[in-house]
Amino acid sequence: MSGASLSRLSIVWKMLAPTPLVVLISLVVVLLIVPPMVRTNVEAAARDAALETIHQYKTVRGIYSRNVVSKVLAHPEFSATVEHSDNINEIPPPATFILDISEALSKEGISLKFYSPYPFANRADRRMDAFGTKAWNLLEANPDAVISEETTIGGHRAYRVAVGDVFQQQTCVDCHNNHPLSIQKGWKLGDLRGIFEVVVDVERLLGTGDRVSRFVILAFVASGLLIVLVGVMIGRPIAHRLSEMRGAVQAVADGRWDVDIPASKSNDEIGALGGALEVFRENAKRRVELEEEQLDLYNQIKSQIVLLTDTNKSIERFVPNTFLKLLNKENVIDVELGDFALRDMSVLFTDIRDFTTLSETMTPNDNFSFINNYLGRMGPIIRDHKGFIDKYIGDAIMALFDEPDNALAAAVDMLQRLERYNQEERIRYGRDAIRIGIGINTGSLMLGTIGEEHRMDGTVISDAVNLAARVEGLTKEYGVPLIITDNTLNSLSDPGQYSIRPLDSVTVKGKTKQVAVFEVLDGLTDHDRAAKEATLETYLAAIAALKSGHPVRARRLFEECLAANPNDTPVRLHLSRLAVEVEA
């Protein structure tokens, strides 16, 4: 049956469809298992019967040897001989006794043989066949083994079962070693002296097993057919009722609330399903009525959500999400007055040089357009380097970074981006280039909210912040675009990836302790950077001479630097200071 045909059947017929296949598979399994199982059981029964027979013969022989032979031979007038039947004073040896019994019982259908490669002389004609030879070879290696083989005797199926017979009594050993008919001498206890073999006719047992197998298979087939028939008889009315239920469900799904559900009147599972459908119909009818009422409400909520989303986006422009995360707040509405957090961060200050002079040449509208154009280029760079802008102070920017490497990378990128902007959009059109100064310091700071109940603002308070602002102011004095403190330098993961030279040790406004500051050359134009790096060795020697108290040597080295690079403003500043000291 194809998948498409099966899909069109009712659920009852789908449930019954696998039944014939299951019955067929089960029948195959029975055919494969039952006959071999019956045969195995017959083989096991034949083997067990043979072993039991041999055990009985051995028991009889043992009793005969202990209780008859030993007592009779104690009298000199008696002897044990193979040819005993003609003499009243002679008894058979144990082996002969067993063979005599076997021969007598063979007429009753019991067949027992006792043979050996070393028969008495009177039994020399009893040669072992192939099975006997194989059994002897195996039993010599393992006297406790049981050797069996299926054969056919007189047209009947039979099993030959052979076990070893070992010397277990010294009297038996002495008899075989001394008997005149024995062809093998030197026997001892534990030696294998012969083989007991029982032949069991299993023709009748196998026939019975075959009949049992056929009966089981026929019974199974009949049961399978009966299951299919009963399933069909039961399934037809169920399928009809389920078909009615399906029609009723479809009608309810189409919104036809007046449909009749006859199955609901019965007391079985389908009736319970029909009752549930009636309840569902009433609920669905009411739900449709409510949906119309809820539609307007949904549209109102949707518009409010859109408005709220837009509002949150607008709030993010004033209060960065990063600031909220640092305060461990999920939303701006969770922020309260006085919330704060202590963090080690890098603070970046940047400012446009001579902005006041520049703004005097622009209208208020031009001023705002210019500032927004500039900030619109700098802000994304800060975010790209995992920082956030804490505040705008006119044309100045204050930004915070978790990592000093990100702060310095952002500063270098800002200078390089600004240089491209100057070349492409200002100098090209006859406008003055924009110059900025950037100062970076790293240290502990406190972020939080200040203000009052109805007006709050996020801010950062710390010595580290004030120092960053002062360092940015030093860029004007030293005539360089980017200065960092020793706190930032020492916090970099790999300062060697940047081109950095010491600038000076200064005491900034509001501080008594000197701070070491450094110029970062990476943000310069290629020309200016190459010029300063060409004199870097001489410059470093001059700084070292200055710190070690050798102003004359320092002045000479600074003059060499200036001769090579007349535009090195920090060198000019150092020379002017040394000149003042010399004059003083």
Protein backbone atom coordinates (compact mmCIF):
# COMPACT_ATOMS: atom_id res chain seq x y z
CA MET A 1 0.00 0.00 0.00
CA SER A 2 1.39 3.37 -1.01
CA GLY A 3 1.86 6.24 1.46
CA ALA A 4 -0.85 8.25 -0.29
CA SER A 5 -3.34 5.36 -0.05
CA LEU A 6 -2.50 4.80 3.61
CA SER A 7 -2.98 8.47 4.43
CA ARG A 8 -6.56 8.31 3.12
CA LEU A 9 -7.52 5.49 5.52
CA SER A 10 -9.27 6.14 8.82
CA ILE A 11 -7.31 5.82 12.04
CA VAL A 12 -8.93 2.43 12.81
CA TRP A 13 -7.82 0.94 9.50
CA LYS A 14 -4.38 2.49 9.96
CA MET A 15 -4.15 0.69 13.28
CA LEU A 16 -5.28 -2.61 11.71
CA ALA A 17 -3.18 -2.30 8.55
CA PRO A 18 0.08 -3.54 10.17
CA THR A 19 -1.66 -6.62 11.66
CA PRO A 20 -1.23 -8.95 8.62
CA LEU A 21 2.41 -7.91 8.33
CA VAL A 22 2.99 -8.54 12.02
CA VAL A 23 1.29 -11.96 11.72
CA LEU A 24 3.41 -12.82 8.66
CA ILE A 25 6.66 -11.76 10.33
CA SER A 26 5.73 -13.69 13.47
CA LEU A 27 4.94 -16.78 11.33
CA VAL A 28 8.35 -16.57 9.68
CA VAL A 29 9.95 -16.29 13.10
CA VAL A 30 8.00 -19.35 14.33
CA LEU A 31 9.03 -21.33 11.22
CA LEU A 32 12.66 -20.42 11.84
CA ILE A 33 12.62 -21.08 15.60
CA VAL A 34 10.17 -23.88 16.45
CA PRO A 35 11.48 -26.77 14.24
CA PRO A 36 15.15 -26.22 15.22
CA MET A 37 14.08 -25.85 18.85
CA VAL A 38 12.13 -29.15 18.75
CA ARG A 39 15.06 -30.91 17.06
CA THR A 40 17.50 -29.50 19.64
CA ASN A 41 15.25 -30.74 22.46
CA VAL A 42 15.06 -34.23 20.89
CA GLU A 43 18.84 -34.31 20.56
CA ALA A 44 19.25 -33.24 24.18
CA ALA A 45 16.70 -35.84 25.33
CA ALA A 46 18.46 -38.60 23.36
CA ARG A 47 21.82 -37.57 24.77
CA ASP A 48 20.47 -37.46 28.33
CA ALA A 49 18.76 -40.86 27.89
CA ALA A 50 21.98 -42.39 26.58
CA LEU A 51 24.05 -40.98 29.43
CA GLU A 52 21.50 -42.23 31.94
CA THR A 53 21.61 -45.72 30.38
CA ILE A 54 25.41 -45.75 30.52
CA HIS A 55 25.31 -44.56 34.09
CA GLN A 56 22.91 -47.39 34.97
CA TYR A 57 25.18 -49.98 33.30
CA LYS A 58 28.20 -48.63 35.14
CA THR A 59 26.27 -48.76 38.41
CA VAL A 60 25.22 -52.34 37.77
CA ARG A 61 28.81 -53.27 36.85
CA GLY A 62 30.11 -51.65 40.02
CA ILE A 63 27.61 -53.49 42.19
CA TYR A 64 28.40 -56.75 40.38
CA SER A 65 32.14 -56.26 40.83
CA ARG A 66 31.97 -55.38 44.52
CA ASN A 67 29.21 -57.64 45.72
CA VAL A 68 29.42 -60.66 43.44
CA VAL A 69 32.77 -61.05 41.75
CA SER A 70 34.88 -60.18 44.77
CA LYS A 71 32.93 -62.56 46.99
CA VAL A 72 32.68 -65.46 44.54
CA LEU A 73 36.35 -65.35 43.58
CA ALA A 74 37.25 -65.55 47.25
CA HIS A 75 36.48 -69.28 46.94
CA PRO A 76 39.11 -71.22 44.99
CA GLU A 77 36.59 -73.48 43.33
CA PHE A 78 35.12 -70.48 41.47
CA SER A 79 36.63 -68.44 38.63
CA ALA A 80 35.69 -65.58 36.30
CA THR A 81 35.89 -66.43 32.60
CA VAL A 82 34.43 -65.29 29.33
CA GLU A 83 33.24 -68.83 28.53
CA HIS A 84 31.17 -69.21 31.68
CA SER A 85 27.90 -70.51 30.41
CA ASP A 86 28.97 -74.18 30.29
CA ASN A 87 30.52 -74.40 33.75
CA ILE A 88 28.55 -73.97 36.96
CA ASN A 89 31.70 -72.85 38.85
CA GLU A 90 32.49 -70.01 36.46
CA ILE A 91 31.01 -66.53 36.48
CA PRO A 92 31.39 -63.83 33.82
CA PRO A 93 33.87 -60.98 34.33
CA PRO A 94 32.22 -57.56 34.86
CA ALA A 95 32.68 -56.48 31.22
CA THR A 96 31.31 -59.75 29.91
CA PHE A 97 28.44 -59.50 32.40
CA ILE A 98 27.52 -56.05 31.03
CA LEU A 99 27.76 -57.23 27.43
CA ASP A 100 25.55 -60.19 28.23
CA ILE A 101 22.96 -57.90 29.78
CA SER A 102 23.19 -55.56 26.78
CA GLU A 103 22.68 -58.42 24.37
CA ALA A 104 19.64 -59.58 26.33
CA LEU A 105 18.18 -56.06 26.49
CA SER A 106 18.86 -55.31 22.83
CA LYS A 107 15.80 -57.41 22.09
CA GLU A 108 13.83 -54.78 24.05
CA GLY A 109 15.15 -51.95 21.84
CA ILE A 110 18.09 -50.96 24.03
CA SER A 111 21.45 -51.06 22.31
CA LEU A 112 24.68 -50.83 24.32
CA LYS A 113 28.17 -51.53 23.08
CA PHE A 114 31.44 -51.83 24.94
CA TYR A 115 34.57 -51.85 22.83
CA SER A 116 38.26 -51.00 22.91
CA PRO A 117 41.32 -50.99 20.62
CA TYR A 118 42.62 -53.70 23.00
CA PRO A 119 39.82 -56.35 23.08
CA PHE A 120 40.18 -59.74 24.70
CA ALA A 121 41.40 -62.36 22.27
CA ASN A 122 37.99 -63.92 21.99
CA ARG A 123 36.59 -60.55 20.80
CA ALA A 124 39.27 -59.72 18.25
CA ASP A 125 36.69 -59.72 15.47
CA ARG A 126 34.88 -56.79 17.04
CA ARG A 127 36.63 -53.96 15.24
CA MET A 128 35.87 -50.30 15.93
CA ASP A 129 34.28 -48.34 13.11
CA ALA A 130 35.12 -44.74 12.18
CA PHE A 131 32.94 -43.29 14.95
CA GLY A 132 34.54 -45.61 17.54
CA THR A 133 38.04 -44.65 16.41
CA LYS A 134 37.21 -40.93 16.53
CA ALA A 135 35.63 -41.34 19.96
CA TRP A 136 38.68 -43.21 21.32
CA ASN A 137 41.09 -40.49 20.08
CA LEU A 138 39.00 -37.77 21.68
CA LEU A 139 38.46 -39.63 24.95
CA GLU A 140 42.15 -40.39 25.29
CA ALA A 141 42.75 -36.67 25.40
CA ASN A 142 39.75 -36.02 27.64
CA PRO A 143 38.27 -39.10 29.37
CA ASP A 144 35.37 -37.03 30.79
CA ALA A 145 34.12 -35.95 27.35
CA VAL A 146 30.82 -37.06 25.78
CA ILE A 147 30.97 -37.92 22.06
CA SER A 148 27.76 -37.97 20.01
CA GLU A 149 26.84 -38.32 16.36
CA GLU A 150 23.60 -38.53 14.37
CA THR A 151 23.31 -41.59 12.12
CA THR A 152 20.79 -43.77 10.31
CA ILE A 153 20.26 -47.37 11.35
CA GLY A 154 17.77 -49.55 9.50
CA GLY A 155 16.25 -46.51 7.91
CA HIS A 156 15.69 -44.89 11.31
CA ARG A 157 17.32 -41.74 12.60
CA ALA A 158 19.40 -42.43 15.70
CA TYR A 159 22.08 -40.92 17.93
CA ARG A 160 25.29 -42.69 18.94
CA VAL A 161 26.55 -41.48 22.30
CA ALA A 162 29.95 -42.62 23.59
CA VAL A 163 31.68 -42.04 26.94
CA GLY A 164 34.99 -43.32 28.28
CA ASP A 165 35.40 -46.18 30.73
CA VAL A 166 38.42 -45.81 33.00
CA PHE A 167 39.88 -48.12 35.63
CA GLN A 168 38.54 -47.08 39.01
CA GLN A 169 39.18 -50.25 41.07
CA GLN A 170 42.47 -52.08 41.56
CA THR A 171 40.79 -55.48 41.24
CA CYS A 172 39.75 -54.58 37.68
CA VAL A 173 43.31 -53.47 36.87
CA ASP A 174 44.73 -56.76 38.25
CA CYS A 175 42.17 -58.85 36.35
CA HIS A 176 42.97 -57.24 32.99
CA ASN A 177 46.71 -57.40 33.56
CA ASN A 178 46.60 -61.12 34.54
CA HIS A 179 43.76 -62.47 32.41
CA PRO A 180 45.05 -64.89 29.78
CA LEU A 181 42.78 -63.45 27.07
CA SER A 182 43.93 -59.87 27.65
CA ILE A 183 46.17 -58.60 24.83
CA GLN A 184 47.17 -55.45 26.72
CA LYS A 185 49.19 -55.56 29.95
CA GLY A 186 50.49 -52.87 32.27
CA TRP A 187 47.15 -51.21 33.03
CA LYS A 188 46.92 -48.85 35.99
CA LEU A 189 44.20 -46.90 37.82
CA GLY A 190 42.77 -44.02 35.75
CA ASP A 191 43.68 -45.53 32.35
CA LEU A 192 41.08 -45.48 29.59
CA ARG A 193 40.26 -49.16 29.00
CA GLY A 194 37.28 -48.86 26.62
CA ILE A 195 34.23 -47.03 25.38
CA PHE A 196 30.60 -47.33 26.41
CA GLU A 197 28.34 -46.54 23.44
CA VAL A 198 24.54 -46.30 23.50
CA VAL A 199 22.50 -46.03 20.32
CA VAL A 200 19.20 -44.22 20.77
CA ASP A 201 16.47 -44.49 18.12
CA VAL A 202 15.00 -40.95 17.82
CA GLU A 203 12.80 -41.55 14.78
CA ARG A 204 9.66 -41.65 16.86
CA LEU A 205 10.67 -38.61 18.94
CA LEU A 206 11.55 -36.56 15.85
CA GLY A 207 8.28 -37.53 14.20
CA THR A 208 6.39 -36.39 17.28
CA GLY A 209 8.39 -33.15 17.30
CA ASP A 210 7.60 -32.51 13.64
CA ARG A 211 3.90 -33.01 14.34
CA VAL A 212 4.09 -30.62 17.29
CA SER A 213 5.86 -28.03 15.12
CA ARG A 214 3.22 -28.28 12.39
CA PHE A 215 0.47 -27.99 15.00
CA VAL A 216 2.05 -24.87 16.53
CA ILE A 217 2.46 -23.25 13.12
CA LEU A 218 -1.11 -24.05 12.07
CA ALA A 219 -2.44 -22.76 15.39
CA PHE A 220 -0.45 -19.58 14.99
CA VAL A 221 -1.75 -19.04 11.45
CA ALA A 222 -5.32 -19.63 12.61
CA SER A 223 -4.86 -17.20 15.52
CA GLY A 224 -3.46 -14.56 13.18
CA LEU A 225 -6.39 -14.89 10.81
CA LEU A 226 -8.80 -14.74 13.73
CA ILE A 227 -7.14 -11.54 15.01
CA VAL A 228 -7.47 -9.91 11.60
CA LEU A 229 -11.12 -10.97 11.31
CA VAL A 230 -12.01 -9.72 14.79
CA GLY A 231 -10.15 -6.47 14.12
CA VAL A 232 -12.17 -5.92 10.94
CA MET A 233 -15.46 -6.69 12.67
CA ILE A 234 -14.69 -4.27 15.51
CA GLY A 235 -13.04 -1.62 13.33
CA ARG A 236 -15.87 -1.07 10.84
CA PRO A 237 -18.40 0.51 13.25
CA ILE A 238 -15.66 2.47 15.01
CA ALA A 239 -14.43 3.79 11.68
CA HIS A 240 -17.99 4.86 10.77
CA ARG A 241 -18.43 6.76 14.04
CA LEU A 242 -15.02 8.39 13.73
CA SER A 243 -15.96 9.46 10.20
CA GLU A 244 -19.03 11.21 11.58
CA MET A 245 -16.89 12.88 14.23
CA ARG A 246 -14.44 14.06 11.59
CA GLY A 247 -17.28 15.67 9.64
CA ALA A 248 -18.53 17.40 12.78
CA VAL A 249 -15.03 18.68 13.64
CA GLN A 250 -14.60 20.04 10.11
CA ALA A 251 -17.98 21.81 10.35
CA VAL A 252 -16.98 23.45 13.66
CA ALA A 253 -13.63 24.45 12.15
CA ASP A 254 -15.55 26.13 9.29
CA GLY A 255 -17.61 28.12 11.79
CA ARG A 256 -20.88 26.20 11.38
CA TRP A 257 -22.01 26.29 15.00
CA ASP A 258 -25.38 24.50 14.41
CA VAL A 259 -23.84 21.18 13.28
CA ASP A 260 -25.25 18.01 14.91
CA ILE A 261 -22.79 15.84 16.91
CA PRO A 262 -24.56 12.45 17.26
CA ALA A 263 -21.54 10.68 18.82
CA SER A 264 -21.95 12.79 21.94
CA LYS A 265 -24.97 10.70 22.98
CA SER A 266 -22.97 7.47 23.52
CA ASN A 267 -21.18 6.51 26.73
CA ASP A 268 -17.85 5.31 25.33
CA GLU A 269 -14.61 7.14 24.53
CA ILE A 270 -15.96 8.44 21.18
CA GLY A 271 -19.01 9.78 23.02
CA ALA A 272 -16.69 11.58 25.47
CA LEU A 273 -14.84 13.01 22.46
CA GLY A 274 -18.18 14.21 21.04
CA GLY A 275 -19.06 15.86 24.35
CA ALA A 276 -15.71 17.60 24.39
CA LEU A 277 -16.37 18.79 20.83
CA GLU A 278 -19.68 20.32 21.92
CA VAL A 279 -17.89 22.22 24.68
CA PHE A 280 -15.22 23.27 22.21
CA ARG A 281 -17.88 24.50 19.78
CA GLU A 282 -19.42 26.76 22.42
CA ASN A 283 -16.02 28.04 23.49
CA ALA A 284 -14.97 28.64 19.89
CA LYS A 285 -18.16 30.57 19.23
CA ARG A 286 -17.47 32.76 22.26
CA ARG A 287 -13.80 33.12 21.29
CA VAL A 288 -14.70 34.43 17.84
CA GLU A 289 -16.87 37.04 19.49
CA LEU A 290 -14.01 37.98 21.83
CA GLU A 291 -11.46 38.12 19.03
CA GLU A 292 -13.31 41.00 17.41
CA GLU A 293 -13.32 42.82 20.74
CA GLN A 294 -9.63 42.06 21.29
CA LEU A 295 -8.56 43.14 17.81
CA ASP A 296 -8.99 46.81 18.60
CA LEU A 297 -7.19 46.35 21.93
CA TYR A 298 -4.36 44.53 20.17
CA ASN A 299 -3.93 47.34 17.67
CA GLN A 300 -3.80 49.85 20.52
CA ILE A 301 -1.18 47.79 22.38
CA LYS A 302 0.83 47.33 19.20
CA SER A 303 0.97 51.07 18.62
CA GLN A 304 2.04 51.58 22.25
CA ILE A 305 4.80 48.97 21.88
CA VAL A 306 6.08 50.71 18.77
CA LEU A 307 6.04 54.00 20.63
CA LEU A 308 7.82 52.42 23.63
CA THR A 309 10.48 50.86 21.37
CA ASP A 310 11.13 54.18 19.73
CA THR A 311 11.27 55.81 23.15
CA ASN A 312 13.83 53.26 24.40
CA LYS A 313 15.95 53.87 21.31
CA SER A 314 15.79 57.59 21.99
CA ILE A 315 16.74 57.08 25.64
CA GLU A 316 19.75 55.00 24.57
CA ARG A 317 21.06 58.09 22.80
CA PHE A 318 21.20 59.94 26.13
CA VAL A 319 21.99 57.04 28.49
CA PRO A 320 24.23 54.39 26.86
CA ASN A 321 23.41 50.75 27.57
CA THR A 322 27.03 50.25 28.57
CA PHE A 323 26.60 52.83 31.35
CA LEU A 324 23.53 50.91 32.60
CA LYS A 325 25.41 47.59 32.54
CA LEU A 326 28.24 49.09 34.59
CA LEU A 327 25.60 50.04 37.18
CA ASN A 328 24.16 46.47 36.95
CA LYS A 329 20.87 47.83 35.62
CA GLU A 330 18.77 46.16 32.94
CA ASN A 331 16.73 49.21 32.01
CA VAL A 332 16.90 52.96 32.49
CA ILE A 333 13.73 52.84 34.59
CA ASP A 334 15.67 50.80 37.17
CA VAL A 335 18.18 53.61 37.71
CA GLU A 336 17.81 55.52 40.95
CA LEU A 337 19.46 58.64 42.30
CA GLY A 338 22.77 57.80 43.97
CA ASP A 339 23.42 54.50 42.13
CA PHE A 340 27.14 54.04 41.58
CA ALA A 341 29.85 51.53 40.69
CA LEU A 342 33.64 51.49 41.19
CA ARG A 343 35.68 50.44 38.15
CA ASP A 344 39.19 50.57 36.76
CA MET A 345 38.82 52.18 33.33
CA SER A 346 40.64 54.26 30.74
CA VAL A 347 39.35 57.80 30.21
CA LEU A 348 39.73 59.51 26.82
CA PHE A 349 39.32 63.28 26.38
CA THR A 350 39.44 64.92 22.97
CA ASP A 351 38.92 68.51 21.91
CA ILE A 352 39.04 70.52 18.67
CA ARG A 353 41.92 73.00 18.50
CA ASP A 354 40.93 76.68 18.15
CA PHE A 355 37.24 75.81 17.94
CA THR A 356 36.25 79.22 19.30
CA THR A 357 38.07 81.01 16.48
CA LEU A 358 36.62 78.57 13.97
CA SER A 359 33.04 78.97 15.25
CA GLU A 360 33.22 82.75 14.99
CA THR A 361 33.30 82.38 11.21
CA MET A 362 30.09 80.25 11.17
CA THR A 363 26.42 80.93 11.75
CA PRO A 364 24.72 79.15 14.65
CA ASN A 365 23.17 76.72 12.17
CA ASP A 366 26.59 76.07 10.59
CA ASN A 367 28.07 75.62 14.05
CA PHE A 368 25.63 72.87 14.97
CA SER A 369 25.97 71.23 11.57
CA PHE A 370 29.76 71.27 11.84
CA ILE A 371 29.86 69.85 15.37
CA ASN A 372 27.35 67.11 14.58
CA ASN A 373 29.24 66.25 11.39
CA TYR A 374 32.49 65.94 13.35
CA LEU A 375 31.00 64.02 16.29
CA GLY A 376 29.13 61.75 13.88
CA ARG A 377 32.53 60.63 12.56
CA MET A 378 34.24 60.24 15.93
CA GLY A 379 31.43 58.56 17.92
CA PRO A 380 31.23 55.33 15.87
CA ILE A 381 35.01 54.88 16.18
CA ILE A 382 34.70 54.86 19.98
CA ARG A 383 31.90 52.27 19.86
CA ASP A 384 33.81 50.15 17.34
CA HIS A 385 36.60 49.88 19.92
CA LYS A 386 34.23 48.81 22.74
CA GLY A 387 34.06 52.19 24.41
CA PHE A 388 31.13 54.47 25.15
CA ILE A 389 30.71 58.22 25.19
CA ASP A 390 30.00 59.49 28.68
CA LYS A 391 29.22 63.03 27.61
CA TYR A 392 29.72 65.73 24.99
CA ILE A 393 31.12 69.02 26.25
CA GLY A 394 30.56 71.34 23.31
CA ASP A 395 33.07 70.12 20.74
CA ALA A 396 34.83 67.94 23.32
CA ILE A 397 34.22 64.21 23.92
CA MET A 398 34.69 62.23 27.10
CA ALA A 399 34.73 58.47 26.52
CA LEU A 400 35.32 55.44 28.77
CA PHE A 401 36.94 52.08 27.97
CA ASP A 402 37.30 48.87 29.97
CA GLU A 403 40.65 48.15 28.35
CA PRO A 404 43.47 50.68 27.77
CA ASP A 405 44.40 48.89 24.52
CA ASN A 406 40.93 49.71 23.15
CA ALA A 407 41.20 53.34 24.25
CA LEU A 408 44.59 53.85 22.55
CA ALA A 409 43.47 52.02 19.39
CA ALA A 410 40.37 54.24 19.23
CA ALA A 411 42.51 57.40 19.62
CA VAL A 412 44.85 56.35 16.79
CA ASP A 413 41.88 55.49 14.58
CA MET A 414 40.24 58.88 15.34
CA LEU A 415 43.38 60.78 14.27
CA GLN A 416 43.75 58.73 11.08
CA ARG A 417 40.07 59.13 10.23
CA LEU A 418 40.30 62.87 10.86
CA GLU A 419 43.31 63.15 8.54
CA ARG A 420 41.35 61.50 5.70
CA TYR A 421 38.42 63.82 6.39
CA ASN A 422 40.72 66.88 6.19
CA GLN A 423 42.26 65.75 2.94
CA GLU A 424 39.01 64.69 1.23
CA GLU A 425 36.49 67.26 2.47
CA ARG A 426 38.31 70.32 3.79
CA ILE A 427 41.74 71.02 2.30
CA ARG A 428 40.46 69.84 -1.07
CA TYR A 429 37.80 72.57 -0.99
CA GLY A 430 40.03 75.32 0.41
CA ARG A 431 38.95 74.95 4.03
CA ASP A 432 41.28 74.91 7.03
CA ALA A 433 42.18 71.48 8.37
CA ILE A 434 40.68 70.48 11.73
CA ARG A 435 43.16 69.61 14.47
CA ILE A 436 42.33 67.82 17.68
CA GLY A 437 44.11 66.83 20.85
CA ILE A 438 43.56 63.54 22.68
CA GLY A 439 44.57 62.71 26.25
CA ILE A 440 44.23 59.25 27.85
CA ASN A 441 44.64 58.22 31.48
CA THR A 442 43.88 54.94 33.25
CA GLY A 443 42.80 54.48 36.85
CA SER A 444 40.02 53.88 39.34
CA LEU A 445 36.83 55.89 38.94
CA MET A 446 33.27 56.04 40.23
CA LEU A 447 30.31 56.00 37.85
CA GLY A 448 26.93 56.98 39.15
CA THR A 449 23.92 59.29 39.09
CA ILE A 450 23.75 62.77 40.54
CA GLY A 451 21.05 65.43 40.67
CA GLU A 452 17.67 65.46 42.36
CA GLU A 453 14.42 63.53 42.19
CA HIS A 454 13.08 65.14 39.00
CA ARG A 455 16.37 65.67 37.17
CA MET A 456 19.27 63.24 37.21
CA ASP A 457 22.39 62.84 35.17
CA GLY A 458 25.00 60.13 34.80
CA THR A 459 28.52 61.19 35.56
CA VAL A 460 32.01 59.96 36.39
CA ILE A 461 33.95 61.24 39.38
CA SER A 462 37.62 60.49 39.94
CA ASP A 463 41.13 61.85 40.00
CA ALA A 464 41.75 59.68 36.96
CA VAL A 465 39.08 61.63 35.03
CA ASN A 466 40.52 65.01 36.01
CA LEU A 467 44.02 63.87 35.05
CA ALA A 468 42.81 62.70 31.63
CA ALA A 469 41.29 66.16 31.03
CA ARG A 470 44.55 67.87 32.11
CA VAL A 471 46.61 65.59 29.84
CA GLU A 472 44.39 66.48 26.90
CA GLY A 473 45.18 70.14 27.67
CA LEU A 474 48.89 69.32 27.49
CA THR A 475 48.53 68.45 23.79
CA LYS A 476 48.16 72.20 23.11
CA GLU A 477 51.29 73.05 25.11
CA TYR A 478 53.45 70.37 23.51
CA GLY A 479 51.95 70.73 20.03
CA VAL A 480 51.17 66.98 19.61
CA PRO A 481 47.82 65.27 18.90
CA LEU A 482 47.97 62.30 21.33
CA ILE A 483 49.38 62.03 24.87
CA ILE A 484 48.99 59.19 27.38
CA THR A 485 50.03 58.90 31.00
CA ASP A 486 52.39 56.34 32.49
CA ASN A 487 49.32 54.72 34.09
CA THR A 488 47.96 53.95 30.64
CA LEU A 489 51.34 52.94 29.22
CA ASN A 490 51.96 50.47 32.02
CA SER A 491 48.46 49.00 31.60
CA LEU A 492 48.86 48.17 27.87
CA SER A 493 49.07 44.47 27.08
CA ASP A 494 51.85 45.08 24.53
CA PRO A 495 53.25 48.63 24.44
CA GLY A 496 55.79 47.51 21.83
CA GLN A 497 53.12 47.39 19.11
CA TYR A 498 52.94 51.20 19.24
CA SER A 499 55.52 53.87 18.47
CA ILE A 500 55.78 55.77 21.78
CA ARG A 501 58.36 58.25 23.06
CA PRO A 502 58.59 59.89 26.47
CA LEU A 503 57.47 63.49 26.49
CA ASP A 504 58.07 64.90 29.93
CA SER A 505 57.32 64.64 33.63
CA VAL A 506 54.85 67.36 34.49
CA THR A 507 52.84 68.66 37.38
CA VAL A 508 49.38 69.31 36.03
CA LYS A 509 47.03 71.91 37.41
CA GLY A 510 45.53 70.84 40.70
CA LYS A 511 48.26 68.19 41.31
CA THR A 512 51.43 68.23 43.39
CA LYS A 513 52.93 64.93 42.23
CA GLN A 514 54.60 64.80 38.85
CA VAL A 515 53.11 62.60 36.16
CA ALA A 516 55.11 61.02 33.34
CA VAL A 517 53.47 61.63 29.97
CA PHE A 518 54.22 60.06 26.59
CA GLU A 519 53.61 60.98 22.97
CA VAL A 520 52.07 58.30 20.71
CA LEU A 521 53.38 58.70 17.16
CA ASP A 522 50.98 56.23 15.50
CA GLY A 523 48.29 58.85 14.93
CA LEU A 524 50.60 61.22 13.00
CA THR A 525 50.79 61.50 9.24
CA ASP A 526 53.29 59.13 7.63
CA HIS A 527 55.67 62.04 7.00
CA ASP A 528 55.61 63.43 10.55
CA ARG A 529 55.89 60.00 12.12
CA ALA A 530 58.86 59.02 9.94
CA ALA A 531 60.61 62.32 10.78
CA LYS A 532 60.24 61.79 14.54
CA GLU A 533 61.17 58.08 14.40
CA ALA A 534 64.34 58.98 12.44
CA THR A 535 65.60 61.04 15.42
CA LEU A 536 64.16 58.76 18.11
CA GLU A 537 67.50 57.40 19.35
CA THR A 538 68.97 60.91 19.70
CA TYR A 539 65.73 62.16 21.29
CA LEU A 540 65.74 59.37 23.91
CA ALA A 541 69.40 60.16 24.72
CA ALA A 542 68.49 63.83 25.18
CA ILE A 543 65.61 62.95 27.55
CA ALA A 544 67.95 60.67 29.55
CA ALA A 545 70.57 63.43 29.80
CA LEU A 546 67.89 65.86 30.94
CA LYS A 547 66.65 63.51 33.68
CA SER A 548 70.21 62.72 34.87
CA GLY A 549 71.07 66.43 35.31
CA HIS A 550 73.22 67.07 32.20
CA PRO A 551 71.49 70.05 30.55
CA VAL A 552 74.41 70.90 28.26
CA ARG A 553 74.47 67.41 26.76
CA ALA A 554 70.66 67.39 26.57
CA ARG A 555 70.64 70.75 24.75
CA ARG A 556 73.22 69.55 22.21
CA LEU A 557 71.22 66.38 21.48
CA PHE A 558 67.91 68.30 21.20
CA GLU A 559 69.58 70.67 18.73
CA GLU A 560 70.60 67.65 16.61
CA CYS A 561 66.98 66.47 16.63
CA LEU A 562 65.70 69.93 15.65
CA ALA A 563 68.22 70.23 12.86
CA ALA A 564 66.95 66.95 11.43
CA ASN A 565 63.26 67.73 12.04
CA PRO A 566 62.51 71.48 12.43
CA ASN A 567 58.79 70.71 12.99
CA ASP A 568 59.35 68.69 16.21
CA THR A 569 57.42 70.94 18.63
CA PRO A 570 58.28 69.06 21.87
CA VAL A 571 62.01 69.41 21.00
CA ARG A 572 61.55 73.16 20.50
CA LEU A 573 59.78 73.37 23.85
CA HIS A 574 62.58 71.53 25.66
CA LEU A 575 65.21 73.76 24.02
CA SER A 576 63.36 76.92 25.04
CA ARG A 577 63.17 75.67 28.64
CA LEU A 578 66.91 74.84 28.63
CA ALA A 579 67.69 78.31 27.25
CA VAL A 580 65.75 79.91 30.10
CA GLU A 581 67.62 77.77 32.61
CA VAL A 582 71.01 78.75 31.10
CA GLU A 583 70.11 82.46 31.17
CA ALA A 584 68.94 82.13 34.75
